[in-house]
Protein backbone atom coordinates (compact mmCIF):
# COMPACT_ATOMS: atom_id res chain seq x y z
CA MET A 1 87.89 128.24 268.98
CA VAL A 2 87.02 127.89 264.93
CA GLN A 3 90.53 130.34 264.19
CA ARG A 4 92.54 128.12 267.11
CA LEU A 5 91.20 124.29 264.73
CA PHE A 6 92.33 125.75 261.54
CA GLY A 7 95.70 127.97 261.86
CA ASP A 8 96.08 131.83 262.02
CA ARG A 9 96.70 131.87 257.76
CA ALA A 10 93.60 129.07 257.88
CA TRP A 11 91.36 131.78 258.82
CA ARG A 12 93.02 135.14 257.30
CA VAL A 13 91.77 132.91 254.19
CA ALA A 14 87.94 132.35 255.70
CA VAL A 15 87.33 135.65 256.83
CA GLU A 16 88.84 136.75 252.79
CA GLU A 17 86.06 134.85 251.54
CA ILE A 18 83.24 135.47 253.74
CA SER A 19 84.27 139.35 253.14
CA LEU A 20 83.91 139.36 249.48
CA ALA A 21 80.71 136.66 249.65
CA PRO A 22 78.44 139.43 249.05
CA VAL A 23 80.89 140.92 246.18
CA TRP A 24 80.14 137.99 244.47
CA LEU A 25 76.47 137.71 245.37
CA THR A 26 76.32 141.64 243.60
CA LEU A 27 78.11 140.57 240.41
CA LEU A 28 76.60 137.64 239.73
CA ALA A 29 72.88 139.22 240.35
CA VAL A 30 73.97 141.82 237.41
CA ALA A 31 75.09 139.67 235.21
CA PHE A 32 71.94 138.02 235.24
CA LEU A 33 69.66 141.08 235.34
CA LEU A 34 71.95 142.07 231.75
CA VAL A 35 70.90 138.33 230.88
CA GLY A 36 68.02 138.94 231.26
CA ASP A 37 66.98 142.08 229.79
CA ARG A 38 68.90 141.26 226.76
CA THR A 39 66.30 137.79 226.47
CA GLY A 40 63.43 139.52 226.83
CA ARG A 41 62.86 137.82 230.65
CA ARG A 42 61.51 141.22 232.50
CA GLY A 43 60.70 139.50 235.30
CA TRP A 44 64.11 138.28 235.98
CA GLU A 45 64.92 142.06 237.25
CA TRP A 46 62.14 141.50 240.04
CA ILE A 47 64.65 139.04 241.73
CA SER A 48 68.14 139.95 240.44
CA LYS A 49 68.10 143.82 240.88
CA PRO A 50 66.86 143.25 244.48
CA VAL A 51 69.69 140.63 244.87
CA ALA A 52 72.03 142.50 243.49
CA ALA A 53 71.03 145.44 245.99
CA ALA A 54 70.80 143.15 249.17
CA GLY A 55 74.77 142.55 247.75
CA PHE A 56 76.05 145.59 248.57
CA LEU A 57 74.03 146.20 251.80
CA TRP A 58 75.78 142.92 252.91
CA ALA A 59 78.76 144.43 252.36
CA ALA A 60 78.32 147.28 254.04
CA TRP A 61 76.95 145.49 256.83
CA SER A 62 79.82 142.99 256.79
CA TRP A 63 82.33 145.12 256.38
CA GLY A 64 82.43 147.40 259.42
CA ALA A 65 79.26 149.58 258.43
CA LEU A 66 77.81 150.11 262.20
CA GLU A 67 80.59 150.72 264.06
CA SER A 68 81.27 154.99 263.29
CA ASP A 69 78.59 157.04 262.21
CA TYR A 70 80.58 157.38 258.70
CA GLY A 71 79.24 153.34 258.25
CA GLN A 72 75.36 154.22 259.86
CA TRP A 73 75.45 157.34 257.21
CA VAL A 74 76.94 155.52 254.20
CA LEU A 75 74.57 151.94 254.72
CA VAL A 76 71.15 154.47 255.75
CA GLY A 77 72.92 155.43 251.67
CA LEU A 78 72.77 152.18 250.10
CA ALA A 79 69.48 151.41 251.51
CA LEU A 80 67.76 154.23 250.12
CA SER A 81 69.67 153.44 247.35
CA ALA A 82 68.12 149.49 246.91
CA THR A 83 64.76 151.17 247.75
CA GLY A 84 65.03 153.02 244.48
CA ASP A 85 66.27 150.39 242.57
CA VAL A 86 63.10 148.19 243.14
CA LEU A 87 61.25 151.52 242.42
CA LEU A 88 62.36 152.34 239.08
CA ILE A 89 62.07 148.23 237.96
CA PRO A 90 57.99 149.02 236.89
CA LYS A 91 58.78 150.53 233.10
CA GLY A 92 57.11 153.48 231.54
CA LYS A 93 55.96 154.70 234.78
CA SER A 94 56.36 158.65 235.84
CA ARG A 95 54.89 158.17 239.41
CA TRP A 96 57.49 155.38 239.71
CA PHE A 97 59.74 156.89 238.39
CA LEU A 98 59.59 159.70 240.42
CA ALA A 99 58.92 157.76 243.68
CA GLY A 100 62.15 156.32 242.67
CA ILE A 101 64.56 159.06 242.01
CA SER A 102 63.49 160.52 245.50
CA ALA A 103 64.54 157.53 247.40
CA PHE A 104 67.22 157.69 245.18
CA LEU A 105 68.02 162.07 246.19
CA LEU A 106 67.04 161.10 250.10
CA GLY A 107 69.71 157.98 249.48
CA HIS A 108 72.76 160.94 247.89
CA VAL A 109 71.50 163.12 251.33
CA ALA A 110 72.39 160.56 253.13
CA TYR A 111 76.12 159.79 251.63
CA VAL A 112 76.04 163.89 251.56
CA ILE A 113 76.17 163.45 255.64
CA ALA A 114 77.80 161.22 256.24
CA PHE A 115 80.86 162.51 253.67
CA SER A 116 80.44 165.30 256.03
CA THR A 117 82.13 163.31 259.04
CA LEU A 118 84.96 163.16 257.66
CA PRO A 119 87.72 165.41 257.61
CA LEU A 120 87.75 168.16 253.94
CA ALA A 121 90.22 169.83 252.04
CA LEU A 122 88.06 173.08 251.32
CA PRO A 123 90.66 174.27 248.12
CA ALA A 124 89.50 170.25 246.49
CA GLY A 125 85.96 170.86 247.29
CA LEU A 126 86.11 174.25 245.55
CA ILE A 127 87.62 173.25 242.59
CA ALA A 128 85.43 170.12 242.35
CA ALA A 129 82.79 172.30 242.24
CA ALA A 130 83.38 174.75 239.85
CA ILE A 131 83.87 171.72 238.28
CA MET A 132 80.57 169.76 239.11
CA ALA A 133 78.23 172.89 238.37
CA ALA A 134 80.06 173.26 235.05
CA VAL A 135 79.33 169.36 234.65
CA ALA A 136 76.18 169.72 235.69
CA TRP A 137 74.64 172.85 233.99
CA GLY A 138 76.01 170.87 231.20
CA ILE A 139 73.78 168.24 231.48
CA LEU A 140 70.90 170.19 232.05
CA HIS A 141 70.83 171.49 229.16
CA TRP A 142 71.45 167.96 227.22
CA LEU A 143 68.67 166.42 229.42
CA LEU A 144 66.04 169.08 230.20
CA PRO A 145 64.12 169.94 226.50
CA SER A 146 63.20 165.94 226.67
CA VAL A 147 62.37 165.89 230.32
CA GLU A 148 58.28 165.76 230.94
CA GLY A 149 56.94 169.39 233.08
CA ARG A 150 56.32 168.19 236.11
CA LEU A 151 59.84 165.86 235.57
CA ARG A 152 61.86 168.45 235.90
CA ILE A 153 62.22 170.34 238.96
CA PRO A 154 62.79 166.80 240.38
CA VAL A 155 65.18 165.97 238.01
CA MET A 156 67.46 169.59 238.48
CA ALA A 157 66.85 169.04 242.05
CA TYR A 158 68.25 165.59 241.38
CA ILE A 159 70.98 166.91 239.65
CA ALA A 160 71.59 169.24 242.12
CA VAL A 161 72.42 167.26 245.12
CA ILE A 162 74.61 164.14 242.99
CA SER A 163 76.67 166.50 242.34
CA ALA A 164 77.51 167.96 245.67
CA MET A 165 77.22 164.33 246.71
CA VAL A 166 80.65 164.49 243.87
CA VAL A 167 82.21 167.20 245.56
CA MET A 168 81.59 166.12 248.36
CA ALA A 169 83.32 163.02 248.44
CA VAL A 170 86.14 164.40 246.57
CA ALA A 171 86.38 167.52 249.42
CA ALA A 172 86.82 163.58 251.49
CA VAL A 173 89.77 162.45 249.51
CA ALA A 174 91.72 165.28 249.73
CA GLY A 175 91.40 165.18 253.18
CA GLY A 176 92.51 161.88 254.02
CA ALA A 177 89.75 159.56 253.45
CA HIS A 178 90.45 156.01 250.88
CA TRP A 179 90.50 156.90 246.49
CA ALA A 180 87.49 154.87 246.14
CA LEU A 181 85.16 156.75 247.85
CA ALA A 182 85.66 159.56 245.33
CA VAL A 183 85.49 156.91 242.51
CA GLY A 184 82.70 155.19 243.97
CA ALA A 185 81.16 159.09 243.82
CA LEU A 186 81.98 159.63 240.81
CA GLY A 187 80.78 155.95 238.84
CA PHE A 188 77.59 156.59 240.89
CA ALA A 189 76.72 159.56 239.37
CA ALA A 190 77.83 159.06 235.21
CA SER A 191 76.45 155.74 235.77
CA ASP A 192 73.04 157.72 236.50
CA LEU A 193 73.40 159.12 232.98
CA ALA A 194 73.26 155.80 231.16
CA VAL A 195 69.48 155.93 233.16
CA ALA A 196 69.26 159.34 231.98
CA ARG A 197 69.56 158.29 228.52
CA ASN A 198 67.46 155.58 228.49
CA ARG A 199 64.35 157.02 230.64
CA PHE A 200 64.36 160.81 228.37
CA LEU A 201 66.56 160.56 224.88
CA ALA A 202 67.84 156.44 223.51
CA PRO A 203 65.52 153.70 225.67
CA GLY A 204 68.07 150.36 224.63
CA PHE A 205 69.71 147.95 225.92
CA VAL A 206 73.50 150.19 225.66
CA ASN A 207 72.34 151.72 228.42
CA ARG A 208 72.14 149.67 231.11
CA LEU A 209 74.53 147.53 229.28
CA TRP A 210 77.61 150.22 231.16
CA GLY A 211 74.76 151.77 233.10
CA LEU A 212 74.58 148.66 235.60
CA PRO A 213 77.89 147.37 235.76
CA LEU A 214 79.15 150.84 237.11
CA TYR A 215 76.36 151.71 238.92
CA PHE A 216 76.91 148.57 240.88
CA ALA A 217 80.20 148.66 240.87
CA SER A 218 80.48 152.47 242.06
CA GLN A 219 78.01 151.45 245.02
CA LEU A 220 80.08 148.18 246.20
CA LEU A 221 83.36 150.86 246.50
CA ILE A 222 81.72 153.84 248.38
CA ALA A 223 80.50 150.09 250.34
CA TYR A 224 83.89 149.20 250.99
CA THR A 225 85.45 152.50 252.50
CA VAL A 226 83.25 152.05 255.57
CA SER A 227 86.63 149.65 256.81
CA THR A 228 88.67 151.99 255.70
CA THR A 229 87.47 154.93 257.48
CA VAL A 230 86.70 155.59 261.51
CA SER A 231 85.23 158.81 262.60
């Protein structure tokens, strides 16, 4: 009835605007998050970060995550990532950091399961695996000397799982999935370097300045792929 009242074109415009609403919500929340961090208003993070995460959950749901096995597993991964976002808000506490990376690790496992429901190109996957193995080794060599003892195994496990997630994403794109999947997976992995640098090596606003926008944009790209994939 609404479509008949306003016409097809107006209806399409309205639907497009509604579908972009979660993107704008996430972008605005990330902007507030960065402003709060830069100006020392730490309390803003308890509001803006969960809101930004809610944006990519809303995006996946509104773009059809519940309509396929792939989309449902992506939604699980996004929900676990959102949990990790909240758990990483407290600063300087190893138990919260461990809980946060555990949630993200499970989120990456969910992504791996999601990507496994898609057609995969084995040659591309093998090439990506070789490259990611070398990258992971370099990251461990760079990072582990600064990681406290009880966090070393969780950090190593996390790097292994996120590397597997990237490999699966590349194999899926080579097998016909939308390019946004590989870009989102690579962006997510790259944003974790900012988290690691901030936590273990050189804390500072610059890590969050590039890491947070990259992370949330990457999650939105992964969420977007539920609208392009039927599994």
